[in-house]
Structures are given as structure tokens and as C-alpha cells.
Amino acid sequence: MQEIMVPCKKCGNKVPASSLKLDIDEKMMICPDCIKNKGIHKEIKEEIFHKKEENKDNVEVKSTKIAHKCASCGYKFKIDVETKKPKNCPYCNARVMMF
């Protein structure tokens, strides 16, 4: 009897239905190739994030952002005092007049 071919929900490749595995992170059935690639991507992410954490420890970062409420629409967001950005409200695009 011939195996039923179904598309992988992640990559779209047609694979035998029996080879699909439930990926808890993706919350869907994916093919063996996607499972292999997931492991590779996970290793790469760990390397990248680990390096970023090391850099974060060495450099002291000061927060120069202040809370701001748009006078036009009332949207709350933060403005960087040093760069004075964003110049416009991210929600309604109204110009920020004062800090």
C-alpha cells in the first residue's frame, strides 16, 4: 500500500504522513528536514546570543530614554533624550513638540 504524501506545514515540501513530527515550539507537524534545520538554527542562535551577552557585560549602557505621551492621540512611548528621536508619534505620526 502506498504512503499518503502531505505538505509540511513549515516548508511546504510533500513528505510521507508517517514522517511528520509534532514540533512543540512551532505548534505544528513538520518534516524531518525542518527538524534538522531547527537544531542548526538553535545552535546558531545560542552562539549569537551568548556573544551578545558577553558584550553586554563589558559595556555599561545608560538609559537616556524618557516617557512621553502624544498630545494629539494620547499614545505613550519613549523618546531618546540624546538623539531626540522619534521626532513623530509612532502611532499617529504627529510631530513631537516638547521633551
Protein backbone atom coordinates (compact mmCIF):
# COMPACT_ATOMS: atom_id res chain seq x y z
CA MET A 1 0.00 0.00 0.00
CA GLN A 2 1.28 3.44 -0.94
CA GLU A 3 2.03 6.06 1.75
CA ILE A 4 -0.06 9.24 1.71
CA MET A 5 2.00 12.34 0.88
CA VAL A 6 1.16 15.54 2.78
CA PRO A 7 2.77 19.00 2.76
CA CYS A 8 4.95 20.05 5.66
CA LYS A 9 3.27 22.98 7.44
CA LYS A 10 6.58 24.86 7.74
CA CYS A 11 8.39 24.41 4.41
CA GLY A 12 5.61 23.08 2.15
CA ASN A 13 7.57 20.06 0.89
CA LYS A 14 5.48 16.91 0.37
CA VAL A 15 6.56 14.09 2.66
CA PRO A 16 5.02 10.80 3.82
CA ALA A 17 2.43 11.44 6.54
CA SER A 18 4.15 8.99 8.88
CA SER A 19 7.39 11.00 8.83
CA LEU A 20 5.84 14.21 10.20
CA LYS A 21 6.69 15.06 13.80
CA LEU A 22 4.95 17.43 16.22
CA ASP A 23 7.13 20.43 16.96
CA ILE A 24 6.09 21.89 20.30
CA ASP A 25 7.81 25.25 19.67
CA GLU A 26 6.17 25.71 16.25
CA LYS A 27 2.91 24.07 17.40
CA MET A 28 2.57 22.19 14.12
CA MET A 29 3.53 19.00 12.33
CA ILE A 30 6.82 19.44 10.44
CA CYS A 31 9.03 17.23 8.26
CA PRO A 32 12.37 15.66 9.28
CA ASP A 33 14.32 18.25 7.25
CA CYS A 34 12.73 21.11 9.17
CA ILE A 35 13.54 19.35 12.44
CA LYS A 36 17.22 19.06 11.40
CA ASN A 37 17.31 22.72 10.36
CA LYS A 38 15.70 23.72 13.64
CA GLY A 39 18.61 22.17 15.52
CA ILE A 40 21.11 24.02 13.37
CA HIS A 41 19.27 27.34 13.81
CA LYS A 42 19.06 26.77 17.57
CA GLU A 43 22.84 26.26 17.78
CA ILE A 44 23.46 29.42 15.75
CA LYS A 45 21.07 31.45 17.95
CA GLU A 46 22.80 30.21 21.09
CA GLU A 47 26.18 31.26 19.70
CA ILE A 48 24.91 34.71 18.71
CA PHE A 49 23.04 35.39 21.95
CA HIS A 50 25.94 34.10 24.03
CA LYS A 51 28.31 36.54 22.29
CA LYS A 52 25.85 39.41 22.76
CA GLU A 53 25.58 38.63 26.48
CA GLU A 54 29.38 38.74 26.82
CA ASN A 55 29.49 42.13 25.07
CA LYS A 56 26.66 43.41 27.26
CA ASP A 57 28.66 42.66 30.41
CA ASN A 58 31.70 44.56 29.17
CA VAL A 59 29.87 47.71 28.07
CA GLU A 60 27.91 49.81 30.52
CA VAL A 61 24.81 51.19 28.83
CA LYS A 62 22.94 54.15 30.23
CA SER A 63 19.29 54.56 29.51
CA THR A 64 18.64 58.02 28.12
CA LYS A 65 15.02 57.47 27.21
CA ILE A 66 12.15 59.30 28.83
CA ALA A 67 8.44 58.55 28.80
CA HIS A 68 6.30 60.73 26.56
CA LYS A 69 2.59 60.96 25.86
CA CYS A 70 1.45 62.24 22.46
CA ALA A 71 -0.60 65.42 22.82
CA SER A 72 -2.58 64.53 19.71
CA CYS A 73 -3.66 60.90 20.28
CA GLY A 74 -2.51 60.08 23.83
CA TYR A 75 -0.19 57.22 22.76
CA LYS A 76 2.60 56.58 25.30
CA PHE A 77 6.12 55.92 24.03
CA LYS A 78 9.74 56.66 24.92
CA ILE A 79 12.00 59.32 23.44
CA ASP A 80 15.79 59.18 23.45
CA VAL A 81 16.98 62.45 25.02
CA GLU A 82 20.39 62.38 23.33
CA THR A 83 19.19 61.79 19.76
CA LYS A 84 15.74 63.35 20.29
CA LYS A 85 14.16 60.51 18.36
CA PRO A 86 11.50 59.65 17.39
CA LYS A 87 10.57 63.09 16.09
CA ASN A 88 6.99 61.92 15.37
CA CYS A 89 4.48 59.82 17.29
CA PRO A 90 4.79 56.17 16.17
CA TYR A 91 1.00 55.79 16.29
CA CYS A 92 -0.46 58.91 14.65
CA ASN A 93 2.68 60.49 13.14
CA ALA A 94 2.04 63.83 14.92
CA ARG A 95 5.18 65.92 15.47
CA VAL A 96 6.69 65.77 18.97
CA MET A 97 6.91 69.38 20.14
CA MET A 98 8.50 69.13 23.59
CA PHE A 99 10.51 66.67 25.62
